[in-house]
């Protein structure tokens, strides 16, 4: 009866594995979001610099 309330060792191991997997997935998603946003920012800045350079070349003649 006591084991029915607390769950089997297999069930506890399963729950611990699920929690670990959720935490790892969340950390991976956070890392990916950070890297993607950094890449998007750098891409935007590159476009702005290229546009300014093109404008300067066009107006230097």
PDB file of N, CA and C in Angstrom:
ATOM      1  N   UNK A   1       0.819  -1.192   0.000  1.00  0.00           N
ATOM      2  CA  UNK A   1       0.000   0.000   0.000  1.00  0.00           C
ATOM      3  C   UNK A   1       0.867   1.263   0.000  1.00  0.00           C
ATOM      4  N   UNK A   2       1.943   1.254   0.747  1.00  0.00           N
ATOM      5  CA  UNK A   2       2.819   2.416   0.808  1.00  0.00           C
ATOM      6  C   UNK A   2       3.466   2.678  -0.548  1.00  0.00           C
ATOM      7  N   UNK A   3       3.825   1.622  -1.258  1.00  0.00           N
ATOM      8  CA  UNK A   3       4.451   1.776  -2.569  1.00  0.00           C
ATOM      9  C   UNK A   3       3.465   2.335  -3.589  1.00  0.00           C
ATOM     10  N   UNK A   4       2.188   2.061  -3.445  1.00  0.00           N
ATOM     11  CA  UNK A   4       1.186   2.588  -4.370  1.00  0.00           C
ATOM     12  C   UNK A   4       1.099   4.108  -4.258  1.00  0.00           C
ATOM     13  N   UNK A   5       1.304   4.641  -3.054  1.00  0.00           N
ATOM     14  CA  UNK A   5       1.242   6.091  -2.879  1.00  0.00           C
ATOM     15  C   UNK A   5       2.491   6.776  -3.415  1.00  0.00           C
ATOM     16  N   UNK A   6       3.644   6.195  -3.205  1.00  0.00           N
ATOM     17  CA  UNK A   6       4.887   6.851  -3.579  1.00  0.00           C
ATOM     18  C   UNK A   6       5.290   6.580  -5.013  1.00  0.00           C
ATOM     19  N   UNK A   7       4.805   5.526  -5.633  1.00  0.00           N
ATOM     20  CA  UNK A   7       5.178   5.196  -6.997  1.00  0.00           C
ATOM     21  C   UNK A   7       6.362   4.247  -7.011  1.00  0.00           C
ATOM     22  N   UNK A   8       6.510   3.563  -8.093  1.00  0.00           N
ATOM     23  CA  UNK A   8       7.592   2.597  -8.207  1.00  0.00           C
ATOM     24  C   UNK A   8       8.905   3.308  -8.521  1.00  0.00           C
ATOM     25  N   UNK A   9      10.017   2.628  -8.281  1.00  0.00           N
ATOM     26  CA  UNK A   9      11.312   3.244  -8.627  1.00  0.00           C
ATOM     27  C   UNK A   9      11.414   3.546 -10.123  1.00  0.00           C
ATOM     28  N   UNK A  10      10.782   2.726 -10.949  1.00  0.00           N
ATOM     29  CA  UNK A  10      10.810   2.970 -12.399  1.00  0.00           C
ATOM     30  C   UNK A  10      10.068   4.249 -12.750  1.00  0.00           C
ATOM     31  N   UNK A  11       8.936   4.446 -12.100  1.00  0.00           N
ATOM     32  CA  UNK A  11       8.145   5.656 -12.362  1.00  0.00           C
ATOM     33  C   UNK A  11       8.903   6.908 -11.915  1.00  0.00           C
ATOM     34  N   UNK A  12       9.560   6.825 -10.767  1.00  0.00           N
ATOM     35  CA  UNK A  12      10.338   7.967 -10.280  1.00  0.00           C
ATOM     36  C   UNK A  12      11.500   8.270 -11.213  1.00  0.00           C
ATOM     37  N   UNK A  13      12.159   7.224 -11.708  1.00  0.00           N
ATOM     38  CA  UNK A  13      13.249   7.415 -12.664  1.00  0.00           C
ATOM     39  C   UNK A  13      12.757   8.024 -13.953  1.00  0.00           C
ATOM     40  N   UNK A  14      11.577   7.577 -14.400  1.00  0.00           N
ATOM     41  CA  UNK A  14      10.982   8.115 -15.618  1.00  0.00           C
ATOM     42  C   UNK A  14      10.667   9.594 -15.450  1.00  0.00           C
ATOM     43  N   UNK A  15      10.058   9.938 -14.329  1.00  0.00           N
ATOM     44  CA  UNK A  15       9.715  11.344 -14.086  1.00  0.00           C
ATOM     45  C   UNK A  15      10.969  12.214 -14.012  1.00  0.00           C
ATOM     46  N   UNK A  16      12.021  11.701 -13.391  1.00  0.00           N
ATOM     47  CA  UNK A  16      13.273  12.452 -13.306  1.00  0.00           C
ATOM     48  C   UNK A  16      13.872  12.640 -14.699  1.00  0.00           C
ATOM     49  N   UNK A  17      13.793  11.602 -15.520  1.00  0.00           N
ATOM     50  CA  UNK A  17      14.316  11.703 -16.888  1.00  0.00           C
ATOM     51  C   UNK A  17      13.522  12.713 -17.706  1.00  0.00           C
ATOM     52  N   UNK A  18      12.223  12.725 -17.535  1.00  0.00           N
ATOM     53  CA  UNK A  18      11.373  13.672 -18.263  1.00  0.00           C
ATOM     54  C   UNK A  18      11.710  15.100 -17.843  1.00  0.00           C
ATOM     55  N   UNK A  19      11.876  15.328 -16.562  1.00  0.00           N
ATOM     56  CA  UNK A  19      12.226  16.670 -16.080  1.00  0.00           C
ATOM     57  C   UNK A  19      13.583  17.113 -16.616  1.00  0.00           C
ATOM     58  N   UNK A  20      14.556  16.201 -16.620  1.00  0.00           N
ATOM     59  CA  UNK A  20      15.880  16.524 -17.153  1.00  0.00           C
ATOM     60  C   UNK A  20      15.792  16.858 -18.632  1.00  0.00           C
ATOM     61  N   UNK A  21      15.007  16.078 -19.374  1.00  0.00           N
ATOM     62  CA  UNK A  21      14.852  16.330 -20.813  1.00  0.00           C
ATOM     63  C   UNK A  21      14.182  17.676 -21.061  1.00  0.00           C
ATOM     64  N   UNK A  22      13.170  18.005 -20.259  1.00  0.00           N
ATOM     65  CA  UNK A  22      12.503  19.307 -20.408  1.00  0.00           C
ATOM     66  C   UNK A  22      13.472  20.450 -20.147  1.00  0.00           C
ATOM     67  N   UNK A  23      14.288  20.300 -19.108  1.00  0.00           N
ATOM     68  CA  UNK A  23      15.239  21.352 -18.770  1.00  0.00           C
ATOM     69  C   UNK A  23      16.280  21.507 -19.883  1.00  0.00           C
ATOM     70  N   UNK A  24      16.776  20.404 -20.411  1.00  0.00           N
ATOM     71  CA  UNK A  24      17.760  20.481 -21.485  1.00  0.00           C
ATOM     72  C   UNK A  24      17.154  21.089 -22.744  1.00  0.00           C
ATOM     73  N   UNK A  25      15.909  20.745 -23.045  1.00  0.00           N
ATOM     74  CA  UNK A  25      15.250  21.312 -24.224  1.00  0.00           C
ATOM     75  C   UNK A  25      15.041  22.813 -24.059  1.00  0.00           C
ATOM     76  N   UNK A  26      14.677  23.237 -22.861  1.00  0.00           N
ATOM     77  CA  UNK A  26      14.482  24.659 -22.603  1.00  0.00           C
ATOM     78  C   UNK A  26      15.803  25.420 -22.734  1.00  0.00           C
ATOM     79  N   UNK A  27      16.873  24.852 -22.194  1.00  0.00           N
ATOM     80  CA  UNK A  27      18.182  25.499 -22.311  1.00  0.00           C
ATOM     81  C   UNK A  27      18.633  25.582 -23.763  1.00  0.00           C
ATOM     82  N   UNK A  28      18.393  24.526 -24.531  1.00  0.00           N
ATOM     83  CA  UNK A  28      18.768  24.525 -25.951  1.00  0.00           C
ATOM     84  C   UNK A  28      17.962  25.570 -26.714  1.00  0.00           C
ATOM     85  N   UNK A  29      16.675  25.684 -26.410  1.00  0.00           N
ATOM     86  CA  UNK A  29      15.834  26.675 -27.088  1.00  0.00           C
ATOM     87  C   UNK A  29      16.273  28.093 -26.746  1.00  0.00           C
ATOM     88  N   UNK A  30      16.615  28.326 -25.487  1.00  0.00           N
ATOM     89  CA  UNK A  30      17.092  29.652 -25.079  1.00  0.00           C
ATOM     90  C   UNK A  30      18.390  30.012 -25.791  1.00  0.00           C
ATOM     91  N   UNK A  31      19.298  29.048 -25.873  1.00  0.00           N
ATOM     92  CA  UNK A  31      20.574  29.282 -26.558  1.00  0.00           C
ATOM     93  C   UNK A  31      20.344  29.564 -28.036  1.00  0.00           C
ATOM     94  N   UNK A  32      19.483  28.783 -28.664  1.00  0.00           N
ATOM     95  CA  UNK A  32      19.203  28.982 -30.093  1.00  0.00           C
ATOM     96  C   UNK A  32      18.573  30.350 -30.337  1.00  0.00           C
ATOM     97  N   UNK A  33      17.636  30.740 -29.489  1.00  0.00           N
ATOM     98  CA  UNK A  33      16.982  32.036 -29.656  1.00  0.00           C
ATOM     99  C   UNK A  33      17.989  33.175 -29.514  1.00  0.00           C
ATOM    100  N   UNK A  34      18.897  33.039 -28.571  1.00  0.00           N
ATOM    101  CA  UNK A  34      19.919  34.072 -28.372  1.00  0.00           C
ATOM    102  C   UNK A  34      20.824  34.174 -29.593  1.00  0.00           C
ATOM    103  N   UNK A  35      21.267  33.036 -30.105  1.00  0.00           N
ATOM    104  CA  UNK A  35      22.167  33.054 -31.263  1.00  0.00           C
ATOM    105  C   UNK A  35      21.457  33.576 -32.509  1.00  0.00           C
ATOM    106  N   UNK A  36      20.206  33.185 -32.704  1.00  0.00           N
ATOM    107  CA  UNK A  36      19.466  33.635 -33.887  1.00  0.00           C
ATOM    108  C   UNK A  36      19.219  35.139 -33.828  1.00  0.00           C
ATOM    109  N   UNK A  37      18.866  35.643 -32.651  1.00  0.00           N
ATOM    110  CA  UNK A  37      18.631  37.088 -32.549  1.00  0.00           C
ATOM    111  C   UNK A  37      19.925  37.867 -32.765  1.00  0.00           C
ATOM    112  N   UNK A  38      21.041  37.334 -32.288  1.00  0.00           N
ATOM    113  CA  UNK A  38      22.327  37.992 -32.533  1.00  0.00           C
ATOM    114  C   UNK A  38      22.653  37.993 -34.023  1.00  0.00           C
ATOM    115  N   UNK A  39      22.400  36.882 -34.680  1.00  0.00           N
ATOM    116  CA  UNK A  39      22.649  36.799 -36.124  1.00  0.00           C
ATOM    117  C   UNK A  39      21.759  37.741 -36.905  1.00  0.00           C
ATOM    118  N   UNK A  40      20.506  37.858 -36.488  1.00  0.00           N
ATOM    119  CA  UNK A  40      19.589  38.769 -37.176  1.00  0.00           C
ATOM    120  C   UNK A  40      20.039  40.217 -37.004  1.00  0.00           C
ATOM    121  N   UNK A  41      20.486  40.564 -35.817  1.00  0.00           N
ATOM    122  CA  UNK A  41      20.970  41.920 -35.569  1.00  0.00           C
ATOM    123  C   UNK A  41      22.205  42.220 -36.425  1.00  0.00           C
ATOM    124  N   UNK A  42      23.136  41.276 -36.475  1.00  0.00           N
ATOM    125  CA  UNK A  42      24.321  41.485 -37.304  1.00  0.00           C
ATOM    126  C   UNK A  42      23.963  41.579 -38.787  1.00  0.00           C
ATOM    127  N   UNK A  43      23.015  40.783 -39.233  1.00  0.00           N
ATOM    128  CA  UNK A  43      22.567  40.861 -40.620  1.00  0.00           C
ATOM    129  C   UNK A  43      21.953  42.212 -40.933  1.00  0.00           C
ATOM    130  N   UNK A  44      21.135  42.726 -40.026  1.00  0.00           N
ATOM    131  CA  UNK A  44      20.523  44.040 -40.216  1.00  0.00           C
ATOM    132  C   UNK A  44      21.586  45.129 -40.279  1.00  0.00           C
ATOM    133  N   UNK A  45      22.550  45.075 -39.364  1.00  0.00           N
ATOM    134  CA  UNK A  45      23.614  46.082 -39.379  1.00  0.00           C
ATOM    135  C   UNK A  45      24.431  46.008 -40.659  1.00  0.00           C
ATOM    136  N   UNK A  46      24.653  44.811 -41.158  1.00  0.00           N
ATOM    137  CA  UNK A  46      25.377  44.665 -42.427  1.00  0.00           C
ATOM    138  C   UNK A  46      24.616  45.304 -43.573  1.00  0.00           C
ATOM    139  N   UNK A  47      23.305  45.122 -43.597  1.00  0.00           N
ATOM    140  CA  UNK A  47      22.494  45.739 -44.647  1.00  0.00           C
ATOM    141  C   UNK A  47      22.535  47.265 -44.557  1.00  0.00           C
ATOM    142  N   UNK A  48      22.484  47.791 -43.351  1.00  0.00           N
ATOM    143  CA  UNK A  48      22.532  49.244 -43.171  1.00  0.00           C
ATOM    144  C   UNK A  48      23.882  49.787 -43.638  1.00  0.00           C
ATOM    145  N   UNK A  49      24.951  49.127 -43.260  1.00  0.00           N
ATOM    146  CA  UNK A  49      26.288  49.578 -43.684  1.00  0.00           C
ATOM    147  C   UNK A  49      26.423  49.490 -45.205  1.00  0.00           C
ATOM    148  N   UNK A  50      25.899  48.423 -45.807  1.00  0.00           N
ATOM    149  CA  UNK A  50      25.969  48.290 -47.266  1.00  0.00           C
ATOM    150  C   UNK A  50      25.152  49.379 -47.953  1.00  0.00           C
ATOM    151  N   UNK A  51      23.992  49.715 -47.388  1.00  0.00           N
ATOM    152  CA  UNK A  51      23.166  50.763 -47.977  1.00  0.00           C
ATOM    153  C   UNK A  51      23.868  52.118 -47.890  1.00  0.00           C
ATOM    154  N   UNK A  52      24.493  52.394 -46.764  1.00  0.00           N
ATOM    155  CA  UNK A  52      25.224  53.653 -46.609  1.00  0.00           C
ATOM    156  C   UNK A  52      26.406  53.697 -47.572  1.00  0.00           C
ATOM    157  N   UNK A  53      27.121  52.589 -47.690  1.00  0.00           N
ATOM    158  CA  UNK A  53      28.263  52.533 -48.609  1.00  0.00           C
ATOM    159  C   UNK A  53      27.803  52.731 -50.051  1.00  0.00           C
ATOM    160  N   UNK A  54      26.696  52.105 -50.435  1.00  0.00           N
ATOM    161  CA  UNK A  54      26.175  52.269 -51.797  1.00  0.00           C
ATOM    162  C   UNK A  54      25.745  53.713 -52.035  1.00  0.00           C
ATOM    163  N   UNK A  55      25.135  54.327 -51.051  1.00  0.00           N
ATOM    164  CA  UNK A  55      24.711  55.732 -51.205  1.00  0.00           C
ATOM    165  C   UNK A  55      25.940  56.639 -51.349  1.00  0.00           C
ATOM    166  N   UNK A  56      26.961  56.381 -50.545  1.00  0.00           N
ATOM    167  CA  UNK A  56      28.175  57.199 -50.644  1.00  0.00           C
ATOM    168  C   UNK A  56      28.855  57.056 -51.992  1.00  0.00           C
ATOM    169  N   UNK A  57      28.898  55.838 -52.513  1.00  0.00           N
ATOM    170  CA  UNK A  57      29.510  55.612 -53.826  1.00  0.00           C
ATOM    171  C   UNK A  57      28.691  56.299 -54.908  1.00  0.00           C
ATOM    172  N   UNK A  58      27.391  56.209 -54.817  1.00  0.00           N
ATOM    173  CA  UNK A  58      26.523  56.806 -55.831  1.00  0.00           C
ATOM    174  C   UNK A  58      26.627  58.339 -55.817  1.00  0.00           C
ATOM    175  N   UNK A  59      26.829  58.917 -54.661  1.00  0.00           N
ATOM    176  CA  UNK A  59      26.868  60.374 -54.551  1.00  0.00           C
ATOM    177  C   UNK A  59      28.285  60.959 -54.538  1.00  0.00           C
ATOM    178  N   UNK A  60      29.272  60.136 -54.725  1.00  0.00           N
ATOM    179  CA  UNK A  60      30.647  60.653 -54.721  1.00  0.00           C
ATOM    180  C   UNK A  60      31.105  61.073 -56.111  1.00  0.00           C
ATOM    181  N   UNK A  61      30.357  60.750 -57.112  1.00  0.00           N
ATOM    182  CA  UNK A  61      30.762  61.094 -58.489  1.00  0.00           C
ATOM    183  C   UNK A  61      30.221  62.421 -58.933  1.00  0.00           C
TER     184      UNK A  61
END
